[in-house]
Amino acid sequence: MKIRQNIRHWAAKKALTTPVVGDVANDKLVDLHTSIFLNKADEDRREERRDHLDSFFDATMDTYVAALEAGFPEAEAREITHVQANFDFFNHGWTEMMEIPGDELEEHYRRYESFFTRYSITIDDPLGEFRPAEGIAEAPETPAKLDTPEYENALAGFADDVYVETDEGETVVGGDTEEPEEVDPSVAPGLDEDEASA
């Protein structure tokens, strides 16, 4: 998958792994991710998906922290959560929200199979053990979109690794980029109220 990485993503990592600040960061990042992906959905479908996305992304914040604790670089930990989201979008037939085409889902799963297996995450069950006890809000599916999928917001051809686009516009293969020494968590996406890419 191709993702961006800049100081704001490093700040999100620091914020989510810092006591007290982490709770605020979590809520802001959930709101931000929901907003970004709803904007890819058809306008008449957005509100009916909002609660589902809020609860789903809230659960993936726990996945992100667990992936960091397992030793994954920031970009890979974030990619894992985006892969989970794409599993969920596919299962609902929300192809217009997907970042990767459906025929690349299996390859992305295989890249993180050991982590996914550890937490019982599958394509059919994108949250696995991260699914909250109270469950996830339901939302209507659009399965007909899977019959002739367009994947209009998906980038194909990046399934073999994580591709990181830096602030300088350079694309680096692999997620092990150097973390800045001084990172202010207050510049994390959502915390500074300035919307940015997830």
C-alpha atoms as a PDB file:
ATOM      1  CA  MET A   1       0.000   0.000   0.000  1.00  0.00           C
ATOM      2  CA  LYS A   2       1.199   3.509  -0.645  1.00  0.00           C
ATOM      3  CA  ILE A   3       0.867   5.857   2.314  1.00  0.00           C
ATOM      4  CA  ARG A   4       2.235   9.235   3.279  1.00  0.00           C
ATOM      5  CA  GLN A   5       4.428   9.842   6.276  1.00  0.00           C
ATOM      6  CA  ASN A   6       5.378  13.178   7.766  1.00  0.00           C
ATOM      7  CA  ILE A   7       5.875  14.809  11.146  1.00  0.00           C
ATOM      8  CA  ARG A   8       2.144  14.657  11.834  1.00  0.00           C
ATOM      9  CA  HIS A   9       2.149  10.849  11.632  1.00  0.00           C
ATOM     10  CA  TRP A  10       5.099  10.640  14.022  1.00  0.00           C
ATOM     11  CA  ALA A  11       3.212  13.021  16.304  1.00  0.00           C
ATOM     12  CA  ALA A  12       0.147  10.755  16.160  1.00  0.00           C
ATOM     13  CA  LYS A  13       2.304   7.813  17.188  1.00  0.00           C
ATOM     14  CA  LYS A  14       3.694   9.744  20.137  1.00  0.00           C
ATOM     15  CA  ALA A  15       0.269  11.053  21.140  1.00  0.00           C
ATOM     16  CA  LEU A  16      -1.423   7.639  21.017  1.00  0.00           C
ATOM     17  CA  THR A  17       1.294   6.084  23.152  1.00  0.00           C
ATOM     18  CA  THR A  18       1.350   8.857  25.774  1.00  0.00           C
ATOM     19  CA  PRO A  19      -0.909   8.594  28.861  1.00  0.00           C
ATOM     20  CA  VAL A  20      -3.795  11.106  29.075  1.00  0.00           C
ATOM     21  CA  VAL A  21      -2.925  12.693  25.714  1.00  0.00           C
ATOM     22  CA  GLY A  22      -3.585   9.306  24.135  1.00  0.00           C
ATOM     23  CA  ASP A  23      -7.317   9.391  24.893  1.00  0.00           C
ATOM     24  CA  VAL A  24      -7.747  12.808  23.295  1.00  0.00           C
ATOM     25  CA  ALA A  25      -5.599  11.811  20.321  1.00  0.00           C
ATOM     26  CA  ASN A  26      -7.592   8.616  19.884  1.00  0.00           C
ATOM     27  CA  ASP A  27     -10.904  10.485  19.648  1.00  0.00           C
ATOM     28  CA  LYS A  28      -9.546  13.124  17.287  1.00  0.00           C
ATOM     29  CA  LEU A  29      -7.916  10.554  15.011  1.00  0.00           C
ATOM     30  CA  VAL A  30     -11.112   8.514  14.882  1.00  0.00           C
ATOM     31  CA  ASP A  31     -13.050  11.630  13.845  1.00  0.00           C
ATOM     32  CA  LEU A  32     -10.438  12.450  11.228  1.00  0.00           C
ATOM     33  CA  HIS A  33     -10.385   8.973   9.701  1.00  0.00           C
ATOM     34  CA  THR A  34     -14.173   8.809   9.618  1.00  0.00           C
ATOM     35  CA  SER A  35     -14.307  12.178   7.866  1.00  0.00           C
ATOM     36  CA  ILE A  36     -11.661  11.242   5.292  1.00  0.00           C
ATOM     37  CA  PHE A  37     -13.331   7.995   4.313  1.00  0.00           C
ATOM     38  CA  LEU A  38     -16.882   9.329   4.383  1.00  0.00           C
ATOM     39  CA  ASN A  39     -15.788  11.947   1.867  1.00  0.00           C
ATOM     40  CA  LYS A  40     -14.981   9.074  -0.515  1.00  0.00           C
ATOM     41  CA  ALA A  41     -18.481   7.637  -0.128  1.00  0.00           C
ATOM     42  CA  ASP A  42     -21.540   8.643  -2.092  1.00  0.00           C
ATOM     43  CA  GLU A  43     -23.117  11.620  -0.363  1.00  0.00           C
ATOM     44  CA  ASP A  44     -26.416   9.847   0.288  1.00  0.00           C
ATOM     45  CA  ARG A  45     -24.565   7.000   2.033  1.00  0.00           C
ATOM     46  CA  ARG A  46     -22.369   9.001   4.399  1.00  0.00           C
ATOM     47  CA  GLU A  47     -24.530   9.454   7.471  1.00  0.00           C
ATOM     48  CA  GLU A  48     -25.677   5.839   7.536  1.00  0.00           C
ATOM     49  CA  ARG A  49     -22.021   4.745   7.723  1.00  0.00           C
ATOM     50  CA  ARG A  50     -20.773   7.287  10.264  1.00  0.00           C
ATOM     51  CA  ASP A  51     -21.410   5.343  13.488  1.00  0.00           C
ATOM     52  CA  HIS A  52     -19.962   2.174  12.012  1.00  0.00           C
ATOM     53  CA  LEU A  53     -16.780   3.935  10.932  1.00  0.00           C
ATOM     54  CA  ASP A  54     -16.433   5.696  14.282  1.00  0.00           C
ATOM     55  CA  SER A  55     -16.605   2.426  16.195  1.00  0.00           C
ATOM     56  CA  PHE A  56     -14.463   0.561  13.682  1.00  0.00           C
ATOM     57  CA  PHE A  57     -11.667   3.142  13.630  1.00  0.00           C
ATOM     58  CA  ASP A  58     -11.750   3.386  17.410  1.00  0.00           C
ATOM     59  CA  ALA A  59     -10.927  -0.329  17.529  1.00  0.00           C
ATOM     60  CA  THR A  60      -8.128   0.014  14.975  1.00  0.00           C
ATOM     61  CA  MET A  61      -6.359   2.519  17.216  1.00  0.00           C
ATOM     62  CA  ASP A  62      -5.787  -0.399  19.591  1.00  0.00           C
ATOM     63  CA  THR A  63      -4.486  -2.466  16.672  1.00  0.00           C
ATOM     64  CA  TYR A  64      -2.042   0.328  15.810  1.00  0.00           C
ATOM     65  CA  VAL A  65      -0.620   0.459  19.342  1.00  0.00           C
ATOM     66  CA  ALA A  66      -0.403  -3.345  19.500  1.00  0.00           C
ATOM     67  CA  ALA A  67       1.498  -3.404  16.205  1.00  0.00           C
ATOM     68  CA  LEU A  68       3.942  -0.798  17.519  1.00  0.00           C
ATOM     69  CA  GLU A  69       4.404  -2.831  20.686  1.00  0.00           C
ATOM     70  CA  ALA A  70       5.065  -5.888  18.500  1.00  0.00           C
ATOM     71  CA  GLY A  71       7.965  -4.015  16.915  1.00  0.00           C
ATOM     72  CA  PHE A  72       6.480  -2.887  13.615  1.00  0.00           C
ATOM     73  CA  PRO A  73       7.736   0.453  12.267  1.00  0.00           C
ATOM     74  CA  GLU A  74       5.201   3.290  12.381  1.00  0.00           C
ATOM     75  CA  ALA A  75       4.353   3.054   8.674  1.00  0.00           C
ATOM     76  CA  GLU A  76       3.702  -0.682   8.856  1.00  0.00           C
ATOM     77  CA  ALA A  77       1.642  -0.366  12.046  1.00  0.00           C
ATOM     78  CA  ARG A  78      -0.486   2.272  10.328  1.00  0.00           C
ATOM     79  CA  GLU A  79      -0.702   0.222   7.144  1.00  0.00           C
ATOM     80  CA  ILE A  80      -2.001  -2.733   9.166  1.00  0.00           C
ATOM     81  CA  THR A  81      -4.949  -0.627  10.329  1.00  0.00           C
ATOM     82  CA  HIS A  82      -5.628   0.561   6.783  1.00  0.00           C
ATOM     83  CA  VAL A  83      -5.595  -3.032   5.570  1.00  0.00           C
ATOM     84  CA  GLN A  84      -8.165  -3.849   8.274  1.00  0.00           C
ATOM     85  CA  ALA A  85     -10.325  -0.976   7.044  1.00  0.00           C
ATOM     86  CA  ASN A  86     -10.107  -2.184   3.461  1.00  0.00           C
ATOM     87  CA  PHE A  87     -11.184  -5.666   4.555  1.00  0.00           C
ATOM     88  CA  ASP A  88     -14.198  -4.071   6.224  1.00  0.00           C
ATOM     89  CA  PHE A  89     -15.036  -1.865   3.241  1.00  0.00           C
ATOM     90  CA  PHE A  90     -14.813  -4.873   0.925  1.00  0.00           C
ATOM     91  CA  ASN A  91     -17.076  -6.940   3.155  1.00  0.00           C
ATOM     92  CA  HIS A  92     -19.673  -4.165   3.027  1.00  0.00           C
ATOM     93  CA  GLY A  93     -19.326  -3.610  -0.720  1.00  0.00           C
ATOM     94  CA  TRP A  94     -18.058  -0.076  -0.117  1.00  0.00           C
ATOM     95  CA  THR A  95     -15.650  -0.266  -3.043  1.00  0.00           C
ATOM     96  CA  GLU A  96     -15.533   3.498  -3.564  1.00  0.00           C
ATOM     97  CA  MET A  97     -13.909   3.867  -0.131  1.00  0.00           C
ATOM     98  CA  MET A  98     -11.213   1.264  -0.693  1.00  0.00           C
ATOM     99  CA  GLU A  99      -7.544   2.253  -0.993  1.00  0.00           C
ATOM    100  CA  ILE A 100      -6.528  -1.025  -2.633  1.00  0.00           C
ATOM    101  CA  PRO A 101      -8.418  -3.141  -5.179  1.00  0.00           C
ATOM    102  CA  GLY A 102     -10.165  -6.272  -3.967  1.00  0.00           C
ATOM    103  CA  ASP A 103      -7.840  -8.645  -5.796  1.00  0.00           C
ATOM    104  CA  GLU A 104      -4.906  -7.384  -3.683  1.00  0.00           C
ATOM    105  CA  LEU A 105      -6.533  -8.003  -0.283  1.00  0.00           C
ATOM    106  CA  GLU A 106      -5.117 -11.521   0.045  1.00  0.00           C
ATOM    107  CA  GLU A 107      -1.577 -10.346  -0.723  1.00  0.00           C
ATOM    108  CA  HIS A 108      -1.816  -7.640   1.936  1.00  0.00           C
ATOM    109  CA  TYR A 109      -3.171 -10.180   4.407  1.00  0.00           C
ATOM    110  CA  ARG A 110      -0.250 -12.536   3.725  1.00  0.00           C
ATOM    111  CA  ARG A 111       2.322  -9.802   4.383  1.00  0.00           C
ATOM    112  CA  TYR A 112       1.047  -9.385   7.938  1.00  0.00           C
ATOM    113  CA  GLU A 113      -0.266 -12.916   8.423  1.00  0.00           C
ATOM    114  CA  SER A 114       1.684 -13.644  11.607  1.00  0.00           C
ATOM    115  CA  PHE A 115       0.316 -10.508  13.312  1.00  0.00           C
ATOM    116  CA  PHE A 116      -3.189 -11.038  11.973  1.00  0.00           C
ATOM    117  CA  THR A 117      -3.191 -14.685  13.069  1.00  0.00           C
ATOM    118  CA  ARG A 118      -2.022 -13.722  16.546  1.00  0.00           C
ATOM    119  CA  TYR A 119      -5.101 -11.534  16.955  1.00  0.00           C
ATOM    120  CA  SER A 120      -7.559 -13.687  14.931  1.00  0.00           C
ATOM    121  CA  ILE A 121      -7.860 -11.037  12.205  1.00  0.00           C
ATOM    122  CA  THR A 122      -9.090 -12.295   8.841  1.00  0.00           C
ATOM    123  CA  ILE A 123     -10.529 -10.696   5.732  1.00  0.00           C
ATOM    124  CA  ASP A 124     -13.980 -11.792   6.926  1.00  0.00           C
ATOM    125  CA  ASP A 125     -13.316 -10.624  10.502  1.00  0.00           C
ATOM    126  CA  PRO A 126     -11.160  -7.496  10.130  1.00  0.00           C
ATOM    127  CA  LEU A 127     -11.009  -6.674  13.850  1.00  0.00           C
ATOM    128  CA  GLY A 128     -10.499 -10.142  15.311  1.00  0.00           C
ATOM    129  CA  GLU A 129      -9.658  -9.811  18.999  1.00  0.00           C
ATOM    130  CA  PHE A 130      -9.749  -6.020  18.720  1.00  0.00           C
ATOM    131  CA  ARG A 131     -13.519  -6.133  18.222  1.00  0.00           C
ATOM    132  CA  PRO A 132     -14.990  -4.399  21.298  1.00  0.00           C
ATOM    133  CA  ALA A 133     -17.200  -6.438  23.613  1.00  0.00           C
ATOM    134  CA  GLU A 134     -20.155  -4.190  22.787  1.00  0.00           C
ATOM    135  CA  GLY A 135     -19.591  -4.795  19.080  1.00  0.00           C
ATOM    136  CA  ILE A 136     -19.469  -2.380  16.169  1.00  0.00           C
ATOM    137  CA  ALA A 137     -22.360  -0.252  14.941  1.00  0.00           C
ATOM    138  CA  GLU A 138     -24.069  -1.784  11.930  1.00  0.00           C
ATOM    139  CA  ALA A 139     -24.357  -0.062   8.566  1.00  0.00           C
ATOM    140  CA  PRO A 140     -26.102  -0.987   5.308  1.00  0.00           C
ATOM    141  CA  GLU A 141     -24.068  -2.933   2.781  1.00  0.00           C
ATOM    142  CA  THR A 142     -23.886  -2.268  -0.957  1.00  0.00           C
ATOM    143  CA  PRO A 143     -22.989  -5.762  -2.232  1.00  0.00           C
ATOM    144  CA  ALA A 144     -24.002  -4.978  -5.820  1.00  0.00           C
ATOM    145  CA  LYS A 145     -20.869  -2.805  -6.104  1.00  0.00           C
ATOM    146  CA  LEU A 146     -18.775  -5.983  -5.833  1.00  0.00           C
ATOM    147  CA  ASP A 147     -20.336  -7.312  -9.052  1.00  0.00           C
ATOM    148  CA  THR A 148     -18.673  -4.625 -11.155  1.00  0.00           C
ATOM    149  CA  PRO A 149     -16.231  -2.896  -8.780  1.00  0.00           C
ATOM    150  CA  GLU A 150     -14.555   0.317  -9.888  1.00  0.00           C
ATOM    151  CA  TYR A 151     -12.287   0.963  -6.875  1.00  0.00           C
ATOM    152  CA  GLU A 152     -12.146   4.606  -7.919  1.00  0.00           C
ATOM    153  CA  ASN A 153     -10.019   5.644  -4.920  1.00  0.00           C
ATOM    154  CA  ALA A 154      -7.744   2.586  -4.887  1.00  0.00           C
ATOM    155  CA  LEU A 155      -4.071   2.514  -5.888  1.00  0.00           C
ATOM    156  CA  ALA A 156      -3.114  -0.826  -7.419  1.00  0.00           C
ATOM    157  CA  GLY A 157       0.355  -2.306  -7.652  1.00  0.00           C
ATOM    158  CA  PHE A 158       1.636  -1.626  -4.132  1.00  0.00           C
ATOM    159  CA  ALA A 159       0.752  -4.926  -2.469  1.00  0.00           C
ATOM    160  CA  ASP A 160       4.268  -6.355  -2.095  1.00  0.00           C
ATOM    161  CA  ASP A 161       5.476  -3.845   0.516  1.00  0.00           C
ATOM    162  CA  VAL A 162       4.609  -0.606   2.271  1.00  0.00           C
ATOM    163  CA  TYR A 163       5.492   2.382   0.089  1.00  0.00           C
ATOM    164  CA  VAL A 164       6.051   5.559   2.072  1.00  0.00           C
ATOM    165  CA  GLU A 165       5.788   8.963   0.424  1.00  0.00           C
ATOM    166  CA  THR A 166       7.758  11.509   2.426  1.00  0.00           C
ATOM    167  CA  ASP A 167       7.130  15.242   2.763  1.00  0.00           C
ATOM    168  CA  GLU A 168       9.767  15.753   0.083  1.00  0.00           C
ATOM    169  CA  GLY A 169       7.712  13.680  -2.363  1.00  0.00           C
ATOM    170  CA  GLU A 170      10.180  10.801  -2.320  1.00  0.00           C
ATOM    171  CA  THR A 171       8.728   7.293  -2.255  1.00  0.00           C
ATOM    172  CA  VAL A 172      10.623   4.928   0.042  1.00  0.00           C
ATOM    173  CA  VAL A 173       9.995   1.188  -0.099  1.00  0.00           C
ATOM    174  CA  GLY A 174       9.602  -0.344   3.351  1.00  0.00           C
ATOM    175  CA  GLY A 175       8.317   1.159   6.546  1.00  0.00           C
ATOM    176  CA  ASP A 176      11.546   1.574   8.487  1.00  0.00           C
ATOM    177  CA  THR A 177      12.066   5.313   8.016  1.00  0.00           C
ATOM    178  CA  GLU A 178      13.891   7.349  10.622  1.00  0.00           C
ATOM    179  CA  GLU A 179      11.778   8.835  13.390  1.00  0.00           C
ATOM    180  CA  PRO A 180      12.584  12.470  14.236  1.00  0.00           C
ATOM    181  CA  GLU A 181      14.246  12.978  17.607  1.00  0.00           C
ATOM    182  CA  GLU A 182      11.924  15.734  18.806  1.00  0.00           C
ATOM    183  CA  VAL A 183       8.235  15.194  18.112  1.00  0.00           C
ATOM    184  CA  ASP A 184       5.461  17.378  19.516  1.00  0.00           C
ATOM    185  CA  PRO A 185       2.310  15.239  19.928  1.00  0.00           C
ATOM    186  CA  SER A 186       0.122  18.342  19.657  1.00  0.00           C
ATOM    187  CA  VAL A 187       0.754  18.478  15.878  1.00  0.00           C
ATOM    188  CA  ALA A 188      -0.842  15.057  15.351  1.00  0.00           C
ATOM    189  CA  PRO A 189      -3.631  15.004  12.776  1.00  0.00           C
ATOM    190  CA  GLY A 190      -6.829  16.100  14.478  1.00  0.00           C
ATOM    191  CA  LEU A 191      -5.128  17.578  17.537  1.00  0.00           C
ATOM    192  CA  ASP A 192      -4.167  20.783  15.771  1.00  0.00           C
ATOM    193  CA  GLU A 193      -7.619  20.947  14.131  1.00  0.00           C
ATOM    194  CA  ASP A 194      -6.003  21.046  10.680  1.00  0.00           C
ATOM    195  CA  GLU A 195      -7.253  18.084   8.651  1.00  0.00           C
ATOM    196  CA  ALA A 196      -4.621  15.948   6.962  1.00  0.00           C
ATOM    197  CA  SER A 197      -4.331  12.592   5.295  1.00  0.00           C
ATOM    198  CA  ALA A 198      -4.584   9.497   7.427  1.00  0.00           C
END
